[in-house]
C-alpha atoms as a PDB file:
ATOM      1  CA  MET A   1      56.210  36.641  69.065  1.00  0.00           C
ATOM      2  CA  SER A   2      57.575  39.522  71.134  1.00  0.00           C
ATOM      3  CA  ARG A   3      61.261  39.535  72.036  1.00  0.00           C
ATOM      4  CA  ALA A   4      60.754  42.107  74.797  1.00  0.00           C
ATOM      5  CA  TRP A   5      61.438  41.708  78.485  1.00  0.00           C
ATOM      6  CA  ASP A   6      58.588  41.289  80.941  1.00  0.00           C
ATOM      7  CA  PRO A   7      58.125  44.895  82.113  1.00  0.00           C
ATOM      8  CA  ASP A   8      57.484  43.676  85.676  1.00  0.00           C
ATOM      9  CA  SER A   9      60.790  41.791  85.919  1.00  0.00           C
ATOM     10  CA  PRO A  10      63.457  43.174  88.272  1.00  0.00           C
ATOM     11  CA  GLY A  11      65.813  45.652  86.630  1.00  0.00           C
ATOM     12  CA  VAL A  12      63.653  46.199  83.548  1.00  0.00           C
ATOM     13  CA  LEU A  13      63.274  49.861  82.653  1.00  0.00           C
ATOM     14  CA  ARG A  14      60.532  51.086  80.315  1.00  0.00           C
ATOM     15  CA  PHE A  15      61.613  54.112  78.298  1.00  0.00           C
ATOM     16  CA  PRO A  16      59.171  56.760  77.031  1.00  0.00           C
ATOM     17  CA  SER A  17      59.182  55.140  73.550  1.00  0.00           C
ATOM     18  CA  GLY A  18      58.048  51.852  75.101  1.00  0.00           C
ATOM     19  CA  ARG A  19      61.420  50.156  74.643  1.00  0.00           C
ATOM     20  CA  LEU A  20      62.381  47.866  77.529  1.00  0.00           C
ATOM     21  CA  LEU A  21      65.996  47.370  78.638  1.00  0.00           C
ATOM     22  CA  ARG A  22      67.251  45.382  81.589  1.00  0.00           C
ATOM     23  CA  GLY A  23      69.931  46.711  83.892  1.00  0.00           C
ATOM     24  CA  ARG A  24      71.825  44.168  85.935  1.00  0.00           C
ATOM     25  CA  ALA A  25      74.635  43.651  88.426  1.00  0.00           C
ATOM     26  CA  LEU A  26      77.117  41.118  87.086  1.00  0.00           C
ATOM     27  CA  HIS A  27      78.207  40.108  90.590  1.00  0.00           C
ATOM     28  CA  ARG A  28      74.746  38.583  91.046  1.00  0.00           C
ATOM     29  CA  SER A  29      73.457  35.423  89.406  1.00  0.00           C
ATOM     30  CA  LEU A  30      71.653  35.630  86.098  1.00  0.00           C
ATOM     31  CA  PRO A  31      67.960  36.255  86.850  1.00  0.00           C
ATOM     32  CA  PRO A  32      65.450  33.542  85.988  1.00  0.00           C
ATOM     33  CA  GLY A  33      63.609  33.784  82.692  1.00  0.00           C
ATOM     34  CA  PRO A  34      64.754  34.539  79.179  1.00  0.00           C
ATOM     35  CA  THR A  35      68.329  35.487  78.430  1.00  0.00           C
ATOM     36  CA  PRO A  36      69.291  38.623  76.524  1.00  0.00           C
ATOM     37  CA  ASP A  37      69.507  38.682  72.757  1.00  0.00           C
ATOM     38  CA  PHE A  38      72.157  41.381  73.065  1.00  0.00           C
ATOM     39  CA  ALA A  39      74.116  42.712  76.033  1.00  0.00           C
ATOM     40  CA  VAL A  40      76.466  45.571  76.791  1.00  0.00           C
ATOM     41  CA  TYR A  41      78.999  44.933  79.555  1.00  0.00           C
ATOM     42  CA  LEU A  42      80.633  47.984  81.115  1.00  0.00           C
ATOM     43  CA  LEU A  43      83.774  46.739  82.839  1.00  0.00           C
ATOM     44  CA  GLY A  44      87.414  47.614  83.351  1.00  0.00           C
ATOM     45  CA  ALA A  45      88.456  44.113  82.230  1.00  0.00           C
ATOM     46  CA  SER A  46      87.089  41.750  79.629  1.00  0.00           C
ATOM     47  CA  PRO A  47      83.894  39.986  80.773  1.00  0.00           C
ATOM     48  CA  ALA A  48      83.396  36.234  80.920  1.00  0.00           C
ATOM     49  CA  PRO A  49      82.025  34.708  77.722  1.00  0.00           C
ATOM     50  CA  VAL A  50      78.242  34.437  77.398  1.00  0.00           C
ATOM     51  CA  ALA A  51      75.938  32.430  75.112  1.00  0.00           C
ATOM     52  CA  TRP A  52      74.382  35.550  73.550  1.00  0.00           C
ATOM     53  CA  GLU A  53      75.752  38.410  71.491  1.00  0.00           C
ATOM     54  CA  ALA A  54      77.541  40.942  73.664  1.00  0.00           C
ATOM     55  CA  ARG A  55      79.730  44.018  73.422  1.00  0.00           C
ATOM     56  CA  TRP A  56      82.327  45.037  75.972  1.00  0.00           C
ATOM     57  CA  VAL A  57      82.932  48.691  76.751  1.00  0.00           C
ATOM     58  CA  ARG A  58      86.147  49.253  78.714  1.00  0.00           C
ATOM     59  CA  TRP A  59      84.765  51.317  81.578  1.00  0.00           C
ATOM     60  CA  PRO A  60      86.496  51.111  84.983  1.00  0.00           C
ATOM     61  CA  ASP A  61      84.390  51.279  88.134  1.00  0.00           C
ATOM     62  CA  PHE A  62      83.439  54.841  89.243  1.00  0.00           C
ATOM     63  CA  GLN A  63      84.955  56.289  86.071  1.00  0.00           C
ATOM     64  CA  LEU A  64      83.999  56.992  82.465  1.00  0.00           C
ATOM     65  CA  PRO A  65      84.452  54.879  79.336  1.00  0.00           C
ATOM     66  CA  ARG A  66      88.015  54.743  78.084  1.00  0.00           C
ATOM     67  CA  ASN A  67      86.821  55.424  74.527  1.00  0.00           C
ATOM     68  CA  ARG A  68      83.740  57.627  74.534  1.00  0.00           C
ATOM     69  CA  ARG A  69      83.142  57.353  70.800  1.00  0.00           C
ATOM     70  CA  ASP A  70      83.009  53.549  71.014  1.00  0.00           C
ATOM     71  CA  ALA A  71      80.792  53.714  74.102  1.00  0.00           C
ATOM     72  CA  ASP A  72      78.371  56.098  72.386  1.00  0.00           C
ATOM     73  CA  GLU A  73      78.218  53.812  69.350  1.00  0.00           C
ATOM     74  CA  VAL A  74      77.466  50.734  71.475  1.00  0.00           C
ATOM     75  CA  LEU A  75      74.773  52.571  73.467  1.00  0.00           C
ATOM     76  CA  ARG A  76      73.124  53.670  70.218  1.00  0.00           C
ATOM     77  CA  GLU A  77      73.189  50.081  69.007  1.00  0.00           C
ATOM     78  CA  ALA A  78      71.600  48.916  72.277  1.00  0.00           C
ATOM     79  CA  TRP A  79      68.838  51.519  71.971  1.00  0.00           C
ATOM     80  CA  HIS A  80      68.075  50.542  68.359  1.00  0.00           C
ATOM     81  CA  ARG A  81      68.104  46.823  69.101  1.00  0.00           C
ATOM     82  CA  ALA A  82      65.821  47.229  72.142  1.00  0.00           C
ATOM     83  CA  GLU A  83      62.990  48.025  69.745  1.00  0.00           C
ATOM     84  CA  THR A  84      62.806  44.331  68.743  1.00  0.00           C
ATOM     85  CA  GLU A  85      65.206  42.432  71.019  1.00  0.00           C
ATOM     86  CA  ARG A  86      65.899  41.794  74.704  1.00  0.00           C
ATOM     87  CA  VAL A  87      68.825  44.071  75.560  1.00  0.00           C
ATOM     88  CA  GLU A  88      70.744  44.010  78.818  1.00  0.00           C
ATOM     89  CA  ILE A  89      73.106  46.677  80.170  1.00  0.00           C
ATOM     90  CA  ALA A  90      75.324  45.535  83.045  1.00  0.00           C
ATOM     91  CA  CYS A  91      78.346  46.358  85.173  1.00  0.00           C
ATOM     92  CA  GLY A  92      79.681  44.983  88.440  1.00  0.00           C
ATOM     93  CA  SER A  93      77.116  46.500  90.809  1.00  0.00           C
ATOM     94  CA  GLY A  94      74.472  47.470  88.246  1.00  0.00           C
ATOM     95  CA  ARG A  95      74.346  51.070  89.498  1.00  0.00           C
ATOM     96  CA  GLY A  96      77.011  53.577  88.458  1.00  0.00           C
ATOM     97  CA  ARG A  97      78.093  52.559  84.991  1.00  0.00           C
ATOM     98  CA  THR A  98      74.825  50.777  84.209  1.00  0.00           C
ATOM     99  CA  GLY A  99      72.782  53.752  85.436  1.00  0.00           C
ATOM    100  CA  THR A 100      74.928  56.144  83.425  1.00  0.00           C
ATOM    101  CA  ALA A 101      74.479  54.055  80.277  1.00  0.00           C
ATOM    102  CA  LEU A 102      70.715  53.795  80.860  1.00  0.00           C
ATOM    103  CA  ALA A 103      70.524  57.584  81.327  1.00  0.00           C
ATOM    104  CA  CYS A 104      72.370  58.078  78.016  1.00  0.00           C
ATOM    105  CA  ILE A 105      69.922  55.682  76.370  1.00  0.00           C
ATOM    106  CA  ALA A 106      67.080  57.756  77.868  1.00  0.00           C
ATOM    107  CA  VAL A 107      68.560  60.758  76.042  1.00  0.00           C
ATOM    108  CA  LEU A 108      68.553  58.729  72.820  1.00  0.00           C
ATOM    109  CA  ASP A 109      64.925  57.933  73.587  1.00  0.00           C
ATOM    110  CA  GLY A 110      64.053  61.628  73.655  1.00  0.00           C
ATOM    111  CA  LEU A 111      64.476  62.755  77.260  1.00  0.00           C
ATOM    112  CA  PRO A 112      66.339  66.020  77.812  1.00  0.00           C
ATOM    113  CA  THR A 113      69.841  65.495  79.206  1.00  0.00           C
ATOM    114  CA  ASP A 114      68.950  67.360  82.407  1.00  0.00           C
ATOM    115  CA  GLU A 115      66.098  64.898  83.126  1.00  0.00           C
ATOM    116  CA  ALA A 116      67.722  61.584  82.191  1.00  0.00           C
ATOM    117  CA  VAL A 117      69.489  60.838  85.489  1.00  0.00           C
ATOM    118  CA  ALA A 118      66.339  61.568  87.526  1.00  0.00           C
ATOM    119  CA  PHE A 119      64.323  59.316  85.194  1.00  0.00           C
ATOM    120  CA  VAL A 120      66.728  56.396  85.699  1.00  0.00           C
ATOM    121  CA  ARG A 121      66.863  56.957  89.461  1.00  0.00           C
ATOM    122  CA  GLU A 122      63.068  57.007  89.667  1.00  0.00           C
ATOM    123  CA  HIS A 123      62.377  54.021  87.418  1.00  0.00           C
ATOM    124  CA  TYR A 124      65.477  51.819  87.783  1.00  0.00           C
ATOM    125  CA  ASP A 125      67.587  52.419  90.924  1.00  0.00           C
ATOM    126  CA  SER A 126      67.578  55.412  93.263  1.00  0.00           C
ATOM    127  CA  ARG A 127      71.385  55.184  93.574  1.00  0.00           C
ATOM    128  CA  ALA A 128      72.090  54.930  89.835  1.00  0.00           C
ATOM    129  CA  VAL A 129      74.735  57.225  88.313  1.00  0.00           C
ATOM    130  CA  GLU A 130      77.121  57.343  91.251  1.00  0.00           C
ATOM    131  CA  THR A 131      79.668  60.081  90.530  1.00  0.00           C
ATOM    132  CA  ARG A 132      79.579  63.680  89.416  1.00  0.00           C
ATOM    133  CA  TRP A 133      81.672  62.693  86.385  1.00  0.00           C
ATOM    134  CA  GLN A 134      79.031  60.157  85.391  1.00  0.00           C
ATOM    135  CA  ARG A 135      76.283  62.775  85.791  1.00  0.00           C
ATOM    136  CA  ARG A 136      78.338  65.187  83.692  1.00  0.00           C
ATOM    137  CA  TYR A 137      78.819  62.507  81.018  1.00  0.00           C
ATOM    138  CA  VAL A 138      75.027  62.178  80.723  1.00  0.00           C
ATOM    139  CA  THR A 139      74.572  65.958  80.652  1.00  0.00           C
ATOM    140  CA  HIS A 140      76.957  66.209  77.695  1.00  0.00           C
ATOM    141  CA  PHE A 141      75.669  63.125  75.882  1.00  0.00           C
ATOM    142  CA  ARG A 142      74.171  63.924  72.482  1.00  0.00           C
ATOM    143  CA  ALA A 143      71.266  62.050  70.947  1.00  0.00           C
ATOM    144  CA  VAL A 144      72.344  62.884  67.398  1.00  0.00           C
END
């Protein structure tokens, strides 16, 4: 039985490898349907507890992760786990930090760094990756 998201569900992004990840705004209610197997929450403060496995990356709104090495490690874990599990990436609005993380995951998936933001904006949210610092973070993100 597949543990993937429905590719037609809101917020679900299909990467070139076929992996599916869901981006989400935490200020909105949990969407109907299956819950994540694993989630990454990108917030300035600790998130509320959830019934599934989750990692918190300290990442204030409109800024960059406080610890880039930890953030990179968690994003790599999310990319690997999305091959067989339902993975969710979320922040408050589901745009800036979530879009930045999804663009970094696109780099892990094989997209060049200079194409990752456009890919996420086209296939996830046209306003994803909100600041120049977030765009720069993606441009300097390394897949290896």
